[in-house]
Amino acid sequence: MLPNKVSIFEVGARDGLQNETAVSTAAKRQLIDDLAHAGLTRIEAGSFVSPKWVPQMADSAEVFHSLNRHSGVTYSALTPNLKGLELALNAGADEVAIFGAASESFSQKNINCSIEESIERFIPLMQQAKQHNMPVRGYVSCVLGCPYEGSISHDEVARVSEILFNMGCYEISLGDTIGVGTPLQARKMVEAVSRKVPVEKLALHFHDTYGQALANILACLETGVNVIDSSVAGLGGCPYAKGASGNLATEDVVYMLHGMGIETGVSLEKLALAGNNISQVLGRKNGSKVANALG
């Protein structure tokens, strides 16, 4: 059975912009404001990682301090370690996110440690977050394939997801990082994870590298998942496939859901405007098919 309502977790201002040309703090603040005006209530606004590795996110503290905060909107930040959590707390983030991987090779190449070591590193962060009543979201990368290992076992995705959930992550976002998944495969993966983590605690973060993201989401909606991560204007390419699109455009997700009678609380027109505005700042074409069709 399809859900009546889906919650959109907007990642454009972080996951999107960190893979684009750097933009000003003011442009980021304007984008986040535009997204809130469009009705998005969960916005990933920044990332507290080393500016050496992700220079596009170096001003995240300034972004958070300068936000025009909307009532009922949660502004979140990605925090890979305890230092990141401290910076997020000081900046006034409403919640934070940690990220693990279902692929051993990806974990080694992306964060220079094994899956088990990455999980060990999160223990003090989770303890500190709990002391501050800070909600923590968990990302799992490479759930439908890895650029180094190829296909990934659904059981391994379920295992890592369960560990993060048991550590205290309130929601687990399942990421098809390189966008290689197809619908039946995606659905079977979600079903495997939902045997370990309650399905209402799962989110889908499907990239559109091979044009499969909407089909994959549709295949998974009947499992009971009702949270979808997406990026306005399709911001953010795929770093593992040169020239390929990465994040799925929020406009395209919202159009599909509204057409199926599923509520999102988002104004498609205002959302498309937000996407057009940031695309102009970036000097690039809006990556959303729906935004381009609306004109």
C-alpha atoms as a PDB file:
ATOM      1  CA  MET A   1       0.000   0.000   0.000  1.00  0.00           C
ATOM      2  CA  LEU A   2       1.279   3.462  -0.877  1.00  0.00           C
ATOM      3  CA  PRO A   3       1.764   6.055   1.872  1.00  0.00           C
ATOM      4  CA  ASN A   4      -0.639   9.017   2.084  1.00  0.00           C
ATOM      5  CA  LYS A   5       2.207  11.411   2.892  1.00  0.00           C
ATOM      6  CA  VAL A   6       5.935  11.457   2.228  1.00  0.00           C
ATOM      7  CA  SER A   7       8.517  13.545   4.078  1.00  0.00           C
ATOM      8  CA  ILE A   8      11.171  15.088   1.816  1.00  0.00           C
ATOM      9  CA  PHE A   9      14.642  15.475   3.327  1.00  0.00           C
ATOM     10  CA  GLU A  10      16.269  18.213   1.212  1.00  0.00           C
ATOM     11  CA  VAL A  11      20.012  17.727   0.709  1.00  0.00           C
ATOM     12  CA  GLY A  12      20.724  20.314  -2.010  1.00  0.00           C
ATOM     13  CA  ALA A  13      22.371  22.899   0.234  1.00  0.00           C
ATOM     14  CA  ARG A  14      24.884  20.315   1.507  1.00  0.00           C
ATOM     15  CA  ASP A  15      25.191  17.118  -0.525  1.00  0.00           C
ATOM     16  CA  GLY A  16      24.358  19.091  -3.655  1.00  0.00           C
ATOM     17  CA  LEU A  17      26.491  22.208  -3.265  1.00  0.00           C
ATOM     18  CA  GLN A  18      29.530  20.309  -1.995  1.00  0.00           C
ATOM     19  CA  ASN A  19      29.829  18.799  -5.485  1.00  0.00           C
ATOM     20  CA  GLU A  20      29.345  22.108  -7.317  1.00  0.00           C
ATOM     21  CA  THR A  21      31.437  25.229  -7.852  1.00  0.00           C
ATOM     22  CA  ALA A  22      31.742  27.100  -4.524  1.00  0.00           C
ATOM     23  CA  VAL A  23      29.063  29.759  -3.950  1.00  0.00           C
ATOM     24  CA  SER A  24      28.860  32.574  -1.400  1.00  0.00           C
ATOM     25  CA  THR A  25      27.472  32.246   2.116  1.00  0.00           C
ATOM     26  CA  ALA A  26      24.705  34.659   1.115  1.00  0.00           C
ATOM     27  CA  ALA A  27      23.718  32.450  -1.841  1.00  0.00           C
ATOM     28  CA  LYS A  28      23.545  29.389   0.423  1.00  0.00           C
ATOM     29  CA  ARG A  29      21.446  31.260   2.973  1.00  0.00           C
ATOM     30  CA  GLN A  30      19.090  32.432   0.198  1.00  0.00           C
ATOM     31  CA  LEU A  31      18.727  28.892  -1.146  1.00  0.00           C
ATOM     32  CA  ILE A  32      17.897  27.508   2.311  1.00  0.00           C
ATOM     33  CA  ASP A  33      15.391  30.335   2.843  1.00  0.00           C
ATOM     34  CA  ASP A  34      13.780  29.655  -0.551  1.00  0.00           C
ATOM     35  CA  LEU A  35      13.494  25.947   0.294  1.00  0.00           C
ATOM     36  CA  ALA A  36      11.782  26.694   3.604  1.00  0.00           C
ATOM     37  CA  HIS A  37       9.379  29.083   1.822  1.00  0.00           C
ATOM     38  CA  ALA A  38       8.546  26.230  -0.565  1.00  0.00           C
ATOM     39  CA  GLY A  39       7.361  24.143   2.390  1.00  0.00           C
ATOM     40  CA  LEU A  40      10.366  21.893   2.998  1.00  0.00           C
ATOM     41  CA  THR A  41      10.676  21.230   6.726  1.00  0.00           C
ATOM     42  CA  ARG A  42      13.862  19.110   6.767  1.00  0.00           C
ATOM     43  CA  ILE A  43      16.865  20.873   5.240  1.00  0.00           C
ATOM     44  CA  GLU A  44      20.478  19.755   5.348  1.00  0.00           C
ATOM     45  CA  ALA A  45      22.153  23.157   5.610  1.00  0.00           C
ATOM     46  CA  GLY A  46      25.861  22.375   5.933  1.00  0.00           C
ATOM     47  CA  SER A  47      28.680  20.032   6.771  1.00  0.00           C
ATOM     48  CA  PHE A  48      31.326  20.219   9.492  1.00  0.00           C
ATOM     49  CA  VAL A  49      34.095  18.304   7.778  1.00  0.00           C
ATOM     50  CA  SER A  50      37.678  19.386   7.186  1.00  0.00           C
ATOM     51  CA  PRO A  51      37.699  22.349   4.744  1.00  0.00           C
ATOM     52  CA  LYS A  52      40.826  20.752   3.282  1.00  0.00           C
ATOM     53  CA  TRP A  53      38.682  17.901   1.938  1.00  0.00           C
ATOM     54  CA  VAL A  54      35.439  19.781   1.238  1.00  0.00           C
ATOM     55  CA  PRO A  55      36.271  23.480   0.705  1.00  0.00           C
ATOM     56  CA  GLN A  56      32.710  24.196  -0.537  1.00  0.00           C
ATOM     57  CA  MET A  57      31.442  23.629   3.031  1.00  0.00           C
ATOM     58  CA  ALA A  58      34.108  25.701   4.829  1.00  0.00           C
ATOM     59  CA  ASP A  59      31.570  28.436   5.727  1.00  0.00           C
ATOM     60  CA  SER A  60      28.942  26.122   7.270  1.00  0.00           C
ATOM     61  CA  ALA A  61      29.191  27.806  10.694  1.00  0.00           C
ATOM     62  CA  GLU A  62      28.503  31.217   9.102  1.00  0.00           C
ATOM     63  CA  VAL A  63      25.601  29.729   7.142  1.00  0.00           C
ATOM     64  CA  PHE A  64      23.976  28.373  10.312  1.00  0.00           C
ATOM     65  CA  HIS A  65      24.554  31.591  12.267  1.00  0.00           C
ATOM     66  CA  SER A  66      23.013  33.691   9.492  1.00  0.00           C
ATOM     67  CA  LEU A  67      19.930  31.531   8.825  1.00  0.00           C
ATOM     68  CA  ASN A  68      16.519  33.140   8.729  1.00  0.00           C
ATOM     69  CA  ARG A  69      15.000  30.297  10.729  1.00  0.00           C
ATOM     70  CA  HIS A  70      11.459  29.243   9.885  1.00  0.00           C
ATOM     71  CA  SER A  71       9.187  27.808  12.548  1.00  0.00           C
ATOM     72  CA  GLY A  72       8.798  24.040  12.178  1.00  0.00           C
ATOM     73  CA  VAL A  73      11.896  23.628   9.978  1.00  0.00           C
ATOM     74  CA  THR A  74      14.750  21.343  11.081  1.00  0.00           C
ATOM     75  CA  TYR A  75      18.201  22.503   9.917  1.00  0.00           C
ATOM     76  CA  SER A  76      20.710  19.663   9.968  1.00  0.00           C
ATOM     77  CA  ALA A  77      24.446  19.232   9.462  1.00  0.00           C
ATOM     78  CA  LEU A  78      26.718  16.382   8.459  1.00  0.00           C
ATOM     79  CA  THR A  79      29.298  15.620  11.171  1.00  0.00           C
ATOM     80  CA  PRO A  80      31.896  12.888  10.582  1.00  0.00           C
ATOM     81  CA  ASN A  81      33.480  13.036  14.052  1.00  0.00           C
ATOM     82  CA  LEU A  82      33.396  14.547  17.539  1.00  0.00           C
ATOM     83  CA  LYS A  83      35.033  17.784  16.365  1.00  0.00           C
ATOM     84  CA  GLY A  84      32.341  18.151  13.717  1.00  0.00           C
ATOM     85  CA  LEU A  85      29.640  17.600  16.329  1.00  0.00           C
ATOM     86  CA  GLU A  86      31.114  20.314  18.576  1.00  0.00           C
ATOM     87  CA  LEU A  87      31.152  22.768  15.662  1.00  0.00           C
ATOM     88  CA  ALA A  88      27.558  21.868  14.780  1.00  0.00           C
ATOM     89  CA  LEU A  89      26.428  22.376  18.379  1.00  0.00           C
ATOM     90  CA  ASN A  90      28.157  25.769  18.510  1.00  0.00           C
ATOM     91  CA  ALA A  91      26.586  26.778  15.201  1.00  0.00           C
ATOM     92  CA  GLY A  92      23.065  25.917  16.391  1.00  0.00           C
ATOM     93  CA  ALA A  93      22.285  22.916  14.167  1.00  0.00           C
ATOM     94  CA  ASP A  94      18.987  21.225  15.071  1.00  0.00           C
ATOM     95  CA  GLU A  95      20.274  17.754  14.286  1.00  0.00           C
ATOM     96  CA  VAL A  96      23.368  16.052  12.879  1.00  0.00           C
ATOM     97  CA  ALA A  97      24.107  13.119  10.610  1.00  0.00           C
ATOM     98  CA  ILE A  98      26.871  10.508  10.560  1.00  0.00           C
ATOM     99  CA  PHE A  99      27.808   8.334   7.603  1.00  0.00           C
ATOM    100  CA  GLY A 100      28.927   4.747   7.287  1.00  0.00           C
ATOM    101  CA  ALA A 101      29.245   2.459   4.275  1.00  0.00           C
ATOM    102  CA  ALA A 102      28.031  -1.008   3.348  1.00  0.00           C
ATOM    103  CA  SER A 103      31.206  -1.458   1.282  1.00  0.00           C
ATOM    104  CA  GLU A 104      34.566  -2.158   2.932  1.00  0.00           C
ATOM    105  CA  SER A 105      36.527  -0.744  -0.038  1.00  0.00           C
ATOM    106  CA  PHE A 106      34.449   2.450  -0.129  1.00  0.00           C
ATOM    107  CA  SER A 107      34.945   2.957   3.605  1.00  0.00           C
ATOM    108  CA  GLN A 108      38.722   2.563   3.251  1.00  0.00           C
ATOM    109  CA  LYS A 109      38.989   4.901   0.252  1.00  0.00           C
ATOM    110  CA  ASN A 110      36.434   7.477   1.420  1.00  0.00           C
ATOM    111  CA  ILE A 111      37.237   7.805   5.145  1.00  0.00           C
ATOM    112  CA  ASN A 112      40.514   5.844   5.419  1.00  0.00           C
ATOM    113  CA  CYS A 113      39.257   3.205   7.832  1.00  0.00           C
ATOM    114  CA  SER A 114      37.310  -0.042   7.899  1.00  0.00           C
ATOM    115  CA  ILE A 115      33.542  -0.229   8.437  1.00  0.00           C
ATOM    116  CA  GLU A 116      34.132  -1.460  11.990  1.00  0.00           C
ATOM    117  CA  GLU A 117      36.641   1.333  12.732  1.00  0.00           C
ATOM    118  CA  SER A 118      34.243   3.969  11.385  1.00  0.00           C
ATOM    119  CA  ILE A 119      31.521   2.653  13.703  1.00  0.00           C
ATOM    120  CA  GLU A 120      33.902   2.714  16.684  1.00  0.00           C
ATOM    121  CA  ARG A 121      34.627   6.377  15.948  1.00  0.00           C
ATOM    122  CA  PHE A 122      30.926   7.199  16.165  1.00  0.00           C
ATOM    123  CA  ILE A 123      30.515   5.902  19.734  1.00  0.00           C
ATOM    124  CA  PRO A 124      31.875   9.041  21.509  1.00  0.00           C
ATOM    125  CA  LEU A 125      29.959  11.248  19.047  1.00  0.00           C
ATOM    126  CA  MET A 126      26.699   9.436  19.815  1.00  0.00           C
ATOM    127  CA  GLN A 127      27.344   9.711  23.563  1.00  0.00           C
ATOM    128  CA  GLN A 128      28.021  13.440  23.296  1.00  0.00           C
ATOM    129  CA  ALA A 129      24.974  14.006  21.089  1.00  0.00           C
ATOM    130  CA  LYS A 130      22.794  12.199  23.618  1.00  0.00           C
ATOM    131  CA  GLN A 131      24.051  14.462  26.412  1.00  0.00           C
ATOM    132  CA  HIS A 132      22.951  17.480  24.361  1.00  0.00           C
ATOM    133  CA  ASN A 133      19.644  15.887  23.273  1.00  0.00           C
ATOM    134  CA  MET A 134      20.835  16.233  19.689  1.00  0.00           C
ATOM    135  CA  PRO A 135      19.067  13.893  17.234  1.00  0.00           C
ATOM    136  CA  VAL A 136      21.431  11.921  14.994  1.00  0.00           C
ATOM    137  CA  ARG A 137      20.586  10.598  11.541  1.00  0.00           C
ATOM    138  CA  GLY A 138      22.622   7.796   9.946  1.00  0.00           C
ATOM    139  CA  TYR A 139      23.636   7.524   6.301  1.00  0.00           C
ATOM    140  CA  VAL A 140      24.671   4.200   4.775  1.00  0.00           C
ATOM    141  CA  SER A 141      26.558   4.536   1.465  1.00  0.00           C
ATOM    142  CA  CYS A 142      26.785   2.100  -1.458  1.00  0.00           C
ATOM    143  CA  VAL A 143      23.624   0.154  -0.595  1.00  0.00           C
ATOM    144  CA  LEU A 144      23.052  -0.945  -4.217  1.00  0.00           C
ATOM    145  CA  GLY A 145      26.596  -0.993  -5.540  1.00  0.00           C
ATOM    146  CA  CYS A 146      30.137   0.230  -5.001  1.00  0.00           C
ATOM    147  CA  PRO A 147      32.554   1.874  -7.470  1.00  0.00           C
ATOM    148  CA  TYR A 148      35.294  -0.494  -6.258  1.00  0.00           C
ATOM    149  CA  GLU A 149      33.490  -3.744  -5.340  1.00  0.00           C
ATOM    150  CA  GLY A 150      30.474  -3.807  -7.650  1.00  0.00           C
ATOM    151  CA  SER A 151      27.342  -5.355  -6.141  1.00  0.00           C
ATOM    152  CA  ILE A 152      26.865  -5.279  -2.362  1.00  0.00           C
ATOM    153  CA  SER A 153      25.108  -7.918  -0.258  1.00  0.00           C
ATOM    154  CA  HIS A 154      21.702  -6.851   1.068  1.00  0.00           C
ATOM    155  CA  ASP A 155      22.602  -8.620   4.314  1.00  0.00           C
ATOM    156  CA  GLU A 156      25.639  -6.373   4.747  1.00  0.00           C
ATOM    157  CA  VAL A 157      23.508  -3.253   4.167  1.00  0.00           C
ATOM    158  CA  ALA A 158      21.057  -4.552   6.781  1.00  0.00           C
ATOM    159  CA  ARG A 159      23.898  -5.324   9.219  1.00  0.00           C
ATOM    160  CA  VAL A 160      25.441  -1.830   9.041  1.00  0.00           C
ATOM    161  CA  SER A 161      22.001  -0.177   9.173  1.00  0.00           C
ATOM    162  CA  GLU A 162      21.076  -2.149  12.290  1.00  0.00           C
ATOM    163  CA  ILE A 163      24.331  -1.182  14.027  1.00  0.00           C
ATOM    164  CA  LEU A 164      23.741   2.547  13.372  1.00  0.00           C
ATOM    165  CA  PHE A 165      20.111   2.242  14.480  1.00  0.00           C
ATOM    166  CA  ASN A 166      21.064   0.412  17.675  1.00  0.00           C
ATOM    167  CA  MET A 167      23.706   3.088  18.382  1.00  0.00           C
ATOM    168  CA  GLY A 168      20.911   5.638  18.546  1.00  0.00           C
ATOM    169  CA  CYS A 169      20.395   7.009  15.016  1.00  0.00           C
ATOM    170  CA  TYR A 170      16.699   7.914  14.824  1.00  0.00           C
ATOM    171  CA  GLU A 171      16.562   7.331  11.051  1.00  0.00           C
ATOM    172  CA  ILE A 172      18.726   5.424   8.557  1.00  0.00           C
ATOM    173  CA  SER A 173      19.101   6.895   5.067  1.00  0.00           C
ATOM    174  CA  LEU A 174      19.933   4.213   2.496  1.00  0.00           C
ATOM    175  CA  GLY A 175      22.187   5.681  -0.183  1.00  0.00           C
ATOM    176  CA  ASP A 176      22.628   4.365  -3.719  1.00  0.00           C
ATOM    177  CA  THR A 177      25.797   6.442  -3.924  1.00  0.00           C
ATOM    178  CA  ILE A 178      26.637   5.696  -7.554  1.00  0.00           C
ATOM    179  CA  GLY A 179      23.045   5.355  -8.774  1.00  0.00           C
ATOM    180  CA  VAL A 180      23.426   1.867 -10.254  1.00  0.00           C
ATOM    181  CA  GLY A 181      20.411   0.223  -8.596  1.00  0.00           C
ATOM    182  CA  THR A 182      17.300  -0.929 -10.453  1.00  0.00           C
ATOM    183  CA  PRO A 183      13.751  -1.255  -9.062  1.00  0.00           C
ATOM    184  CA  LEU A 184      13.446  -4.910  -7.982  1.00  0.00           C
ATOM    185  CA  GLN A 185      16.961  -4.851  -6.557  1.00  0.00           C
ATOM    186  CA  ALA A 186      16.135  -1.650  -4.621  1.00  0.00           C
ATOM    187  CA  ARG A 187      12.947  -3.112  -3.222  1.00  0.00           C
ATOM    188  CA  LYS A 188      14.644  -6.351  -2.131  1.00  0.00           C
ATOM    189  CA  MET A 189      17.364  -4.327  -0.401  1.00  0.00           C
ATOM    190  CA  VAL A 190      14.784  -2.259   1.536  1.00  0.00           C
ATOM    191  CA  GLU A 191      12.886  -5.417   2.480  1.00  0.00           C
ATOM    192  CA  ALA A 192      16.126  -6.980   3.776  1.00  0.00           C
ATOM    193  CA  VAL A 193      16.976  -3.896   5.849  1.00  0.00           C
ATOM    194  CA  SER A 194      13.415  -3.613   7.193  1.00  0.00           C
ATOM    195  CA  ARG A 195      13.820  -7.043   8.781  1.00  0.00           C
ATOM    196  CA  LYS A 196      16.502  -5.479  11.010  1.00  0.00           C
ATOM    197  CA  VAL A 197      15.360  -1.837  11.282  1.00  0.00           C
ATOM    198  CA  PRO A 198      11.674  -0.763  11.439  1.00  0.00           C
ATOM    199  CA  VAL A 199      10.662   0.383   7.956  1.00  0.00           C
ATOM    200  CA  GLU A 200       9.251   3.649   9.345  1.00  0.00           C
ATOM    201  CA  LYS A 201      12.813   4.479  10.466  1.00  0.00           C
ATOM    202  CA  LEU A 202      14.232   4.191   6.928  1.00  0.00           C
ATOM    203  CA  ALA A 203      14.788   6.815   4.233  1.00  0.00           C
ATOM    204  CA  LEU A 204      15.746   6.485   0.555  1.00  0.00           C
ATOM    205  CA  HIS A 205      18.706   8.441  -0.875  1.00  0.00           C
ATOM    206  CA  PHE A 206      18.820   7.269  -4.481  1.00  0.00           C
ATOM    207  CA  HIS A 207      21.107   8.925  -7.013  1.00  0.00           C
ATOM    208  CA  ASP A 208      19.996   9.255 -10.623  1.00  0.00           C
ATOM    209  CA  THR A 209      23.275   8.491 -12.406  1.00  0.00           C
ATOM    210  CA  TYR A 210      21.638   5.855 -14.642  1.00  0.00           C
ATOM    211  CA  GLY A 211      18.171   7.470 -14.667  1.00  0.00           C
ATOM    212  CA  GLN A 212      16.715   4.876 -12.275  1.00  0.00           C
ATOM    213  CA  ALA A 213      16.044   6.895  -9.118  1.00  0.00           C
ATOM    214  CA  LEU A 214      12.309   7.622  -9.573  1.00  0.00           C
ATOM    215  CA  ALA A 215      11.617   4.036 -10.636  1.00  0.00           C
ATOM    216  CA  ASN A 216      13.569   2.759  -7.633  1.00  0.00           C
ATOM    217  CA  ILE A 217      11.637   5.029  -5.258  1.00  0.00           C
ATOM    218  CA  LEU A 218       8.327   3.904  -6.719  1.00  0.00           C
ATOM    219  CA  ALA A 219       9.328   0.256  -6.280  1.00  0.00           C
ATOM    220  CA  CYS A 220      10.137   0.888  -2.610  1.00  0.00           C
ATOM    221  CA  LEU A 221       7.161   3.045  -1.591  1.00  0.00           C
ATOM    222  CA  GLU A 222       4.904   0.025  -1.070  1.00  0.00           C
ATOM    223  CA  THR A 223       7.323  -1.384   1.534  1.00  0.00           C
ATOM    224  CA  GLY A 224       6.213   1.378   3.923  1.00  0.00           C
ATOM    225  CA  VAL A 225       9.151   3.772   3.492  1.00  0.00           C
ATOM    226  CA  ASN A 226       7.885   7.362   3.588  1.00  0.00           C
ATOM    227  CA  VAL A 227      11.042   9.522   3.719  1.00  0.00           C
ATOM    228  CA  ILE A 228      12.940  10.493   0.563  1.00  0.00           C
ATOM    229  CA  ASP A 229      16.216  12.414   0.314  1.00  0.00           C
ATOM    230  CA  SER A 230      16.571  14.593  -2.778  1.00  0.00           C
ATOM    231  CA  SER A 231      18.342  17.694  -4.035  1.00  0.00           C
ATOM    232  CA  VAL A 232      16.679  20.792  -5.502  1.00  0.00           C
ATOM    233  CA  ALA A 233      17.568  21.308  -9.190  1.00  0.00           C
ATOM    234  CA  GLY A 234      19.448  17.996  -9.054  1.00  0.00           C
ATOM    235  CA  LEU A 235      22.415  19.819  -7.496  1.00  0.00           C
ATOM    236  CA  GLY A 236      25.517  17.674  -7.102  1.00  0.00           C
ATOM    237  CA  GLY A 237      27.103  15.409  -9.650  1.00  0.00           C
ATOM    238  CA  CYS A 238      28.297  11.868  -9.130  1.00  0.00           C
ATOM    239  CA  PRO A 239      31.993  12.007  -8.170  1.00  0.00           C
ATOM    240  CA  TYR A 240      32.529   8.402  -9.357  1.00  0.00           C
ATOM    241  CA  ALA A 241      31.080   8.780 -12.866  1.00  0.00           C
ATOM    242  CA  LYS A 242      32.595  11.651 -14.824  1.00  0.00           C
ATOM    243  CA  GLY A 243      29.973  13.997 -16.239  1.00  0.00           C
ATOM    244  CA  ALA A 244      27.077  11.967 -14.827  1.00  0.00           C
ATOM    245  CA  SER A 245      24.174  13.417 -12.929  1.00  0.00           C
ATOM    246  CA  GLY A 246      24.141  12.461  -9.271  1.00  0.00           C
ATOM    247  CA  ASN A 247      21.400  13.564  -6.917  1.00  0.00           C
ATOM    248  CA  LEU A 248      17.774  13.177  -7.872  1.00  0.00           C
ATOM    249  CA  ALA A 249      15.986  16.532  -8.324  1.00  0.00           C
ATOM    250  CA  THR A 250      13.463  17.295  -5.572  1.00  0.00           C
ATOM    251  CA  GLU A 251      11.125  18.877  -8.137  1.00  0.00           C
ATOM    252  CA  ASP A 252      10.929  15.575 -10.031  1.00  0.00           C
ATOM    253  CA  VAL A 253      10.180  13.574  -6.852  1.00  0.00           C
ATOM    254  CA  VAL A 254       7.493  16.031  -5.722  1.00  0.00           C
ATOM    255  CA  TYR A 255       5.837  16.053  -9.158  1.00  0.00           C
ATOM    256  CA  MET A 256       5.662  12.239  -9.183  1.00  0.00           C
ATOM    257  CA  LEU A 257       4.323  12.013  -5.628  1.00  0.00           C
ATOM    258  CA  HIS A 258       1.698  14.730  -6.139  1.00  0.00           C
ATOM    259  CA  GLY A 259       0.598  13.012  -9.354  1.00  0.00           C
ATOM    260  CA  MET A 260       0.045   9.833  -7.324  1.00  0.00           C
ATOM    261  CA  GLY A 261      -2.054  11.677  -4.744  1.00  0.00           C
ATOM    262  CA  ILE A 262       0.677  11.541  -2.094  1.00  0.00           C
ATOM    263  CA  GLU A 263       1.077  14.679   0.037  1.00  0.00           C
ATOM    264  CA  THR A 264       4.465  16.324   0.617  1.00  0.00           C
ATOM    265  CA  GLY A 265       3.519  19.751   1.998  1.00  0.00           C
ATOM    266  CA  VAL A 266       5.754  21.289  -0.696  1.00  0.00           C
ATOM    267  CA  SER A 267       4.756  23.919  -3.271  1.00  0.00           C
ATOM    268  CA  LEU A 268       6.129  22.701  -6.602  1.00  0.00           C
ATOM    269  CA  GLU A 269       6.116  26.222  -8.083  1.00  0.00           C
ATOM    270  CA  LYS A 270       8.099  27.737  -5.196  1.00  0.00           C
ATOM    271  CA  LEU A 271      10.454  24.759  -5.228  1.00  0.00           C
ATOM    272  CA  ALA A 272      11.150  25.179  -8.952  1.00  0.00           C
ATOM    273  CA  LEU A 273      11.823  28.882  -8.352  1.00  0.00           C
ATOM    274  CA  ALA A 274      14.358  28.004  -5.636  1.00  0.00           C
ATOM    275  CA  GLY A 275      16.055  25.606  -8.043  1.00  0.00           C
ATOM    276  CA  ASN A 276      16.117  28.138 -10.871  1.00  0.00           C
ATOM    277  CA  ASN A 277      17.598  30.802  -8.581  1.00  0.00           C
ATOM    278  CA  ILE A 278      20.515  28.666  -7.378  1.00  0.00           C
ATOM    279  CA  SER A 279      21.109  27.319 -10.898  1.00  0.00           C
ATOM    280  CA  GLN A 280      21.525  30.920 -12.109  1.00  0.00           C
ATOM    281  CA  VAL A 281      24.020  31.594  -9.309  1.00  0.00           C
ATOM    282  CA  LEU A 282      25.971  28.496 -10.363  1.00  0.00           C
ATOM    283  CA  GLY A 283      25.752  29.425 -14.034  1.00  0.00           C
ATOM    284  CA  ARG A 284      24.372  26.009 -14.928  1.00  0.00           C
ATOM    285  CA  LYS A 285      21.177  24.560 -16.345  1.00  0.00           C
ATOM    286  CA  ASN A 286      18.583  23.416 -13.808  1.00  0.00           C
ATOM    287  CA  GLY A 287      19.035  19.647 -13.499  1.00  0.00           C
ATOM    288  CA  SER A 288      15.328  19.038 -12.871  1.00  0.00           C
ATOM    289  CA  LYS A 289      13.243  17.817 -15.834  1.00  0.00           C
ATOM    290  CA  VAL A 290      10.087  19.081 -14.140  1.00  0.00           C
ATOM    291  CA  ALA A 291      11.532  22.576 -13.485  1.00  0.00           C
ATOM    292  CA  ASN A 292      12.545  22.837 -17.143  1.00  0.00           C
ATOM    293  CA  ALA A 293       9.108  21.648 -18.299  1.00  0.00           C
ATOM    294  CA  LEU A 294       7.403  24.242 -16.093  1.00  0.00           C
ATOM    295  CA  GLY A 295       9.584  26.904 -17.731  1.00  0.00           C
END
